[in-house]
Amino acid sequence: MLAIYKREFKSYFYSMTGSIFIAFLTFMTGIYFMAYNLHSGYPYFSYSLEGVMFVFLVAIPVLTMRSFSEERRSRTDQLLLTSPVSVGKMVIGKYLAMVSVFLIPCMLFCAYPLIISTQGKAYFKADYASILVFFLLGCVYIAIGSFISAMTESQIIAAIGTFGVLMVVYLWDGLLGFLPSSAFGGMAGIWMILTLCVLFIYNMTKNGVLAGGLELIGTIILVVLYFVKSSLYEGLLSTIFGKFALVSTFTSAAENSLLDIGGIVMYLTLIGVFLFLTVQSIQKRRFS
């Protein structure tokens, strides 16, 4: 795993992808730092971090698009799949290399609160907590991008797919307002989620009996619950999807100086889930 990590980390700078990523993220943050903290006099560096959240939509796809798709396109993934290193260690090695590249600008951000302190009062706890949550959120995005990259051999498709998913995550709070709040709408939404999960299971296992059985049992349970107590479905979609508002955890730290432990646990859980899905996606190709 260490050999894969070193190879991947160096490759990001041989191809200039890592340098461009670091320069772009640092440059954009510097602009907001000058505008908010130096020019306008805001004492919180977290305001600048909140302003550059949109940069993730472009920077993360550029960083992750080649992580697995390039190996698949050039067929060099066959060497990795037949090597003594397990698929899990290979995925973790590549993921940690991308996280290390992202860590560099985050370490540079730690100097900004110190610069603020030379001009007046600085809020170190709030700012460094925001930098930590900013870093963890970026790690979640990198895990999502890695999973999408593992599903295709085209870097362009991987980049566009990651951009699309991150755009939805970025607009998540606003999209929640469009979800139906009625009982029937809630049941229909849960049924659609069930169907998507069943399709994913079928795609991974190719077991029609298992997928069909899960769909039938799940549908029966949903319909029975609707007729027994339909009020359970009222506003259920907003409640469920509201738990996955990833940006809100960072916003709480940036705007209210509140470190949401539950949100951080969710970040770590999502990282584990998407890395697991990445491993399963590669394992499926390994034995197909």
Protein backbone atom coordinates (compact mmCIF):
# COMPACT_ATOMS: atom_id res chain seq x y z
CA MET A 1 0.00 0.00 0.00
CA LEU A 2 2.85 2.38 0.82
CA ALA A 3 4.39 1.82 -2.63
CA ILE A 4 1.07 2.62 -4.32
CA TYR A 5 0.67 5.71 -2.15
CA LYS A 6 4.14 7.01 -3.05
CA ARG A 7 3.65 6.30 -6.74
CA GLU A 8 0.28 8.03 -6.87
CA PHE A 9 1.38 11.02 -4.81
CA LYS A 10 4.42 11.62 -7.04
CA SER A 11 2.35 11.15 -10.20
CA TYR A 12 0.13 14.11 -9.31
CA PHE A 13 3.15 16.38 -9.45
CA TYR A 14 4.78 14.73 -12.45
CA SER A 15 1.59 15.45 -14.43
CA MET A 16 1.16 18.93 -12.86
CA THR A 17 -2.36 18.01 -11.73
CA GLY A 18 -1.39 18.30 -8.08
CA SER A 19 0.42 21.60 -8.58
CA ILE A 20 -2.49 23.12 -10.50
CA PHE A 21 -4.96 21.88 -7.87
CA ILE A 22 -2.96 23.38 -5.00
CA ALA A 23 -2.31 26.64 -6.84
CA PHE A 24 -5.95 27.07 -7.89
CA LEU A 25 -7.38 26.36 -4.42
CA THR A 26 -4.81 28.56 -2.70
CA PHE A 27 -5.26 31.39 -5.21
CA MET A 28 -9.06 31.44 -4.90
CA THR A 29 -8.89 31.31 -1.11
CA GLY A 30 -6.35 34.13 -1.14
CA ILE A 31 -8.72 36.31 -3.14
CA TYR A 32 -11.51 35.82 -0.62
CA PHE A 33 -9.07 36.30 2.25
CA MET A 34 -7.99 39.66 0.87
CA ALA A 35 -11.58 40.74 0.18
CA TYR A 36 -13.17 39.56 3.44
CA ASN A 37 -10.44 39.62 6.05
CA LEU A 38 -7.90 42.21 4.92
CA HIS A 39 -10.06 44.69 3.03
CA SER A 40 -13.42 44.38 4.82
CA GLY A 41 -11.90 43.59 8.21
CA TYR A 42 -13.85 40.44 9.08
CA PRO A 43 -11.97 38.71 11.94
CA TYR A 44 -13.07 35.17 10.97
CA PHE A 45 -11.08 33.33 8.30
CA SER A 46 -13.96 30.84 8.18
CA TYR A 47 -15.93 33.39 6.13
CA SER A 48 -13.31 33.11 3.40
CA LEU A 49 -13.48 29.32 3.45
CA GLU A 50 -17.24 29.46 3.15
CA GLY A 51 -16.87 31.71 0.12
CA VAL A 52 -14.68 29.24 -1.78
CA MET A 53 -16.94 26.23 -1.28
CA PHE A 54 -17.94 26.42 -4.95
CA VAL A 55 -14.31 25.80 -5.92
CA PHE A 56 -14.76 22.16 -4.87
CA LEU A 57 -17.12 21.70 -7.81
CA VAL A 58 -14.22 22.19 -10.22
CA ALA A 59 -11.12 21.29 -8.22
CA ILE A 60 -12.20 17.91 -6.85
CA PRO A 61 -13.24 16.42 -10.24
CA VAL A 62 -9.87 17.48 -11.68
CA LEU A 63 -8.08 15.77 -8.79
CA THR A 64 -10.05 12.51 -8.83
CA MET A 65 -10.97 11.97 -12.47
CA ARG A 66 -7.83 10.00 -13.35
CA SER A 67 -7.48 8.07 -10.08
CA PHE A 68 -9.01 4.84 -11.38
CA SER A 69 -10.36 5.60 -14.86
CA GLU A 70 -6.88 6.16 -16.29
CA GLU A 71 -5.69 2.78 -14.98
CA ARG A 72 -8.73 1.16 -16.55
CA ARG A 73 -8.33 2.94 -19.90
CA SER A 74 -4.65 2.08 -20.26
CA ARG A 75 -5.26 -1.47 -18.95
CA THR A 76 -2.56 -1.02 -16.30
CA ASP A 77 -5.20 -1.90 -13.73
CA GLN A 78 -4.66 -5.54 -14.66
CA LEU A 79 -1.18 -5.35 -13.17
CA LEU A 80 -2.58 -3.95 -9.94
CA LEU A 81 -5.40 -6.49 -9.80
CA THR A 82 -2.96 -9.39 -10.15
CA SER A 83 -0.42 -7.98 -7.71
CA PRO A 84 -0.01 -9.31 -4.14
CA VAL A 85 -1.56 -6.08 -2.82
CA SER A 86 -5.27 -6.42 -2.06
CA VAL A 87 -7.82 -4.25 -3.82
CA GLY A 88 -8.68 -2.57 -0.53
CA LYS A 89 -5.08 -1.52 0.08
CA MET A 90 -4.79 -0.31 -3.51
CA VAL A 91 -7.90 1.87 -3.13
CA ILE A 92 -6.76 3.24 0.23
CA GLY A 93 -3.28 3.98 -1.13
CA LYS A 94 -4.69 5.96 -4.05
CA TYR A 95 -7.21 7.72 -1.82
CA LEU A 96 -4.58 8.75 0.73
CA ALA A 97 -2.42 10.14 -2.08
CA MET A 98 -5.27 12.41 -3.19
CA VAL A 99 -6.02 13.39 0.40
CA SER A 100 -2.34 14.27 0.89
CA VAL A 101 -2.44 16.57 -2.12
CA PHE A 102 -5.55 18.25 -0.70
CA LEU A 103 -3.93 18.49 2.73
CA ILE A 104 -1.17 20.78 1.41
CA PRO A 105 -3.40 23.83 0.73
CA CYS A 106 -5.30 23.13 3.96
CA MET A 107 -2.01 23.36 5.86
CA LEU A 108 -1.29 26.65 4.12
CA PHE A 109 -4.69 27.92 5.27
CA CYS A 110 -3.54 27.51 8.88
CA ALA A 111 -1.32 30.57 8.40
CA TYR A 112 -4.21 32.89 7.57
CA PRO A 113 -5.59 33.20 11.13
CA LEU A 114 -2.07 34.11 12.23
CA ILE A 115 -2.01 36.90 9.65
CA ILE A 116 -5.36 38.13 10.95
CA SER A 117 -3.97 38.19 14.50
CA THR A 118 -1.27 40.66 13.40
CA GLN A 119 -4.01 43.08 12.28
CA GLY A 120 -6.33 42.68 15.28
CA LYS A 121 -8.25 40.05 17.22
CA ALA A 122 -8.34 36.57 15.72
CA TYR A 123 -10.62 33.65 16.65
CA PHE A 124 -8.23 30.74 16.42
CA LYS A 125 -10.53 28.00 17.76
CA ALA A 126 -13.34 28.87 15.37
CA ASP A 127 -11.03 29.25 12.38
CA TYR A 128 -9.03 26.08 12.93
CA ALA A 129 -12.21 24.11 13.60
CA SER A 130 -13.55 25.42 10.27
CA ILE A 131 -10.34 24.40 8.49
CA LEU A 132 -10.68 20.90 9.98
CA VAL A 133 -14.30 20.53 8.84
CA PHE A 134 -13.36 22.01 5.44
CA PHE A 135 -10.67 19.35 5.09
CA LEU A 136 -13.00 16.51 6.13
CA LEU A 137 -15.68 17.69 3.70
CA GLY A 138 -13.08 17.70 0.94
CA CYS A 139 -12.13 14.14 1.93
CA VAL A 140 -15.78 13.10 1.50
CA TYR A 141 -15.86 14.70 -1.94
CA ILE A 142 -12.62 12.93 -2.90
CA ALA A 143 -14.13 9.59 -1.84
CA ILE A 144 -17.18 10.29 -4.01
CA GLY A 145 -14.98 11.24 -6.96
CA SER A 146 -12.90 8.08 -6.51
CA PHE A 147 -16.02 5.91 -6.66
CA ILE A 148 -17.26 7.60 -9.83
CA SER A 149 -13.80 7.31 -11.41
CA ALA A 150 -13.76 3.58 -10.65
CA MET A 151 -17.00 3.10 -12.58
CA THR A 152 -15.71 4.35 -15.94
CA GLU A 153 -12.60 4.32 -18.09
CA SER A 154 -13.20 7.86 -19.37
CA GLN A 155 -11.65 10.70 -17.40
CA ILE A 156 -14.11 13.14 -18.97
CA ILE A 157 -17.12 11.11 -17.85
CA ALA A 158 -15.59 10.73 -14.38
CA ALA A 159 -15.03 14.49 -14.11
CA ILE A 160 -18.51 15.40 -15.36
CA GLY A 161 -20.14 12.78 -13.15
CA THR A 162 -18.28 14.00 -10.07
CA PHE A 163 -19.14 17.60 -10.92
CA GLY A 164 -22.82 16.68 -11.22
CA VAL A 165 -22.92 14.87 -7.88
CA LEU A 166 -21.04 17.65 -6.08
CA MET A 167 -23.36 20.24 -7.62
CA VAL A 168 -26.34 18.37 -6.16
CA VAL A 169 -24.60 18.21 -2.77
CA TYR A 170 -23.81 21.93 -2.96
CA LEU A 171 -27.45 22.79 -3.69
CA TRP A 172 -28.82 20.15 -1.32
CA ASP A 173 -30.50 22.50 1.17
CA GLY A 174 -32.35 24.32 -1.58
CA LEU A 175 -33.45 21.10 -3.28
CA LEU A 176 -35.06 19.82 -0.07
CA GLY A 177 -37.80 22.41 -0.50
CA PHE A 178 -38.97 20.68 -3.69
CA LEU A 179 -39.57 17.32 -2.01
CA PRO A 180 -43.23 16.31 -1.50
CA SER A 181 -44.50 16.48 2.08
CA SER A 182 -47.71 14.49 1.60
CA ALA A 183 -48.05 10.91 2.81
CA PHE A 184 -48.46 9.48 -0.69
CA GLY A 185 -45.54 11.52 -2.01
CA GLY A 186 -43.39 10.29 0.87
CA MET A 187 -44.28 6.68 0.17
CA ALA A 188 -43.60 7.11 -3.55
CA GLY A 189 -40.23 8.70 -2.79
CA ILE A 190 -39.21 5.88 -0.45
CA TRP A 191 -40.29 3.35 -3.06
CA MET A 192 -38.09 5.05 -5.67
CA ILE A 193 -35.14 4.93 -3.26
CA LEU A 194 -35.84 1.23 -2.66
CA THR A 195 -35.93 0.58 -6.41
CA LEU A 196 -32.61 2.37 -6.95
CA CYS A 197 -31.02 0.31 -4.17
CA VAL A 198 -32.40 -2.90 -5.70
CA LEU A 199 -31.04 -1.93 -9.13
CA PHE A 200 -27.64 -1.28 -7.58
CA ILE A 201 -27.72 -4.67 -5.84
CA TYR A 202 -28.68 -6.36 -9.11
CA ASN A 203 -25.90 -4.55 -10.96
CA MET A 204 -23.38 -5.77 -8.39
CA THR A 205 -24.65 -9.35 -7.99
CA LYS A 206 -26.51 -10.08 -11.27
CA ASN A 207 -28.92 -12.08 -9.12
CA GLY A 208 -32.42 -11.42 -10.44
CA VAL A 209 -34.13 -13.57 -7.83
CA LEU A 210 -32.50 -11.68 -4.95
CA ALA A 211 -33.22 -8.28 -6.48
CA GLY A 212 -36.81 -9.16 -7.36
CA GLY A 213 -37.44 -10.60 -3.90
CA LEU A 214 -36.13 -7.50 -2.17
CA GLU A 215 -38.23 -5.26 -4.41
CA LEU A 216 -41.40 -7.27 -3.76
CA ILE A 217 -40.94 -7.51 0.00
CA GLY A 218 -40.02 -3.85 0.30
CA THR A 219 -43.02 -2.74 -1.78
CA ILE A 220 -45.42 -4.82 0.31
CA ILE A 221 -44.05 -3.36 3.55
CA LEU A 222 -44.33 0.20 2.23
CA VAL A 223 -47.93 -0.28 1.07
CA VAL A 224 -49.00 -1.95 4.32
CA LEU A 225 -47.48 0.88 6.39
CA TYR A 226 -49.25 3.44 4.20
CA PHE A 227 -52.68 1.93 4.86
CA VAL A 228 -51.99 1.27 8.54
CA LYS A 229 -50.48 4.65 9.45
CA SER A 230 -50.03 6.99 6.50
CA SER A 231 -48.89 9.84 8.76
CA LEU A 232 -45.50 8.12 9.03
CA TYR A 233 -44.73 9.25 5.48
CA GLU A 234 -45.67 12.91 5.94
CA GLY A 235 -42.52 15.03 5.59
CA LEU A 236 -40.42 11.86 5.76
CA LEU A 237 -38.36 12.62 2.66
CA SER A 238 -37.29 16.04 3.95
CA THR A 239 -36.40 14.53 7.32
CA ILE A 240 -34.31 11.73 5.81
CA PHE A 241 -32.52 13.76 3.15
CA GLY A 242 -32.00 16.64 5.56
CA LYS A 243 -29.63 14.39 7.50
CA PHE A 244 -27.35 14.29 4.46
CA ALA A 245 -26.92 18.04 4.08
CA LEU A 246 -23.13 17.80 4.08
CA VAL A 247 -22.47 21.51 3.68
CA SER A 248 -24.56 22.39 6.74
CA THR A 249 -21.97 20.83 9.07
CA PHE A 250 -19.31 23.14 7.65
CA THR A 251 -21.71 26.09 7.72
CA SER A 252 -22.33 25.50 11.43
CA ALA A 253 -18.61 25.68 12.08
CA ALA A 254 -18.00 28.66 9.77
CA GLU A 255 -20.96 30.86 10.72
CA ASN A 256 -21.84 29.80 14.26
CA SER A 257 -18.49 28.43 15.51
CA LEU A 258 -20.24 25.15 16.39
CA LEU A 259 -18.40 21.88 15.85
CA ASP A 260 -21.07 19.32 14.92
CA ILE A 261 -19.72 15.98 16.14
CA GLY A 262 -22.61 14.14 14.52
CA GLY A 263 -21.78 15.76 11.20
CA ILE A 264 -18.13 14.78 11.49
CA VAL A 265 -19.13 11.19 12.24
CA MET A 266 -21.33 11.29 9.13
CA TYR A 267 -18.36 12.56 7.09
CA LEU A 268 -16.18 9.69 8.27
CA THR A 269 -18.99 7.20 7.66
CA LEU A 270 -19.54 8.44 4.11
CA ILE A 271 -15.81 8.21 3.41
CA GLY A 272 -15.85 4.59 4.52
CA VAL A 273 -19.01 3.83 2.51
CA PHE A 274 -17.71 5.27 -0.76
CA LEU A 275 -14.31 3.64 -0.37
CA PHE A 276 -16.11 0.33 0.23
CA LEU A 277 -18.22 0.88 -2.90
CA THR A 278 -15.05 1.69 -4.85
CA VAL A 279 -13.48 -1.57 -3.73
CA GLN A 280 -16.63 -3.51 -4.67
CA SER A 281 -16.74 -1.86 -8.09
CA ILE A 282 -13.15 -2.91 -8.80
CA GLN A 283 -13.67 -6.38 -7.32
CA LYS A 284 -16.62 -6.88 -9.65
CA ARG A 285 -14.44 -6.07 -12.65
CA ARG A 286 -11.68 -8.27 -11.29
CA PHE A 287 -13.83 -11.41 -11.34
CA SER A 288 -15.98 -10.58 -14.38
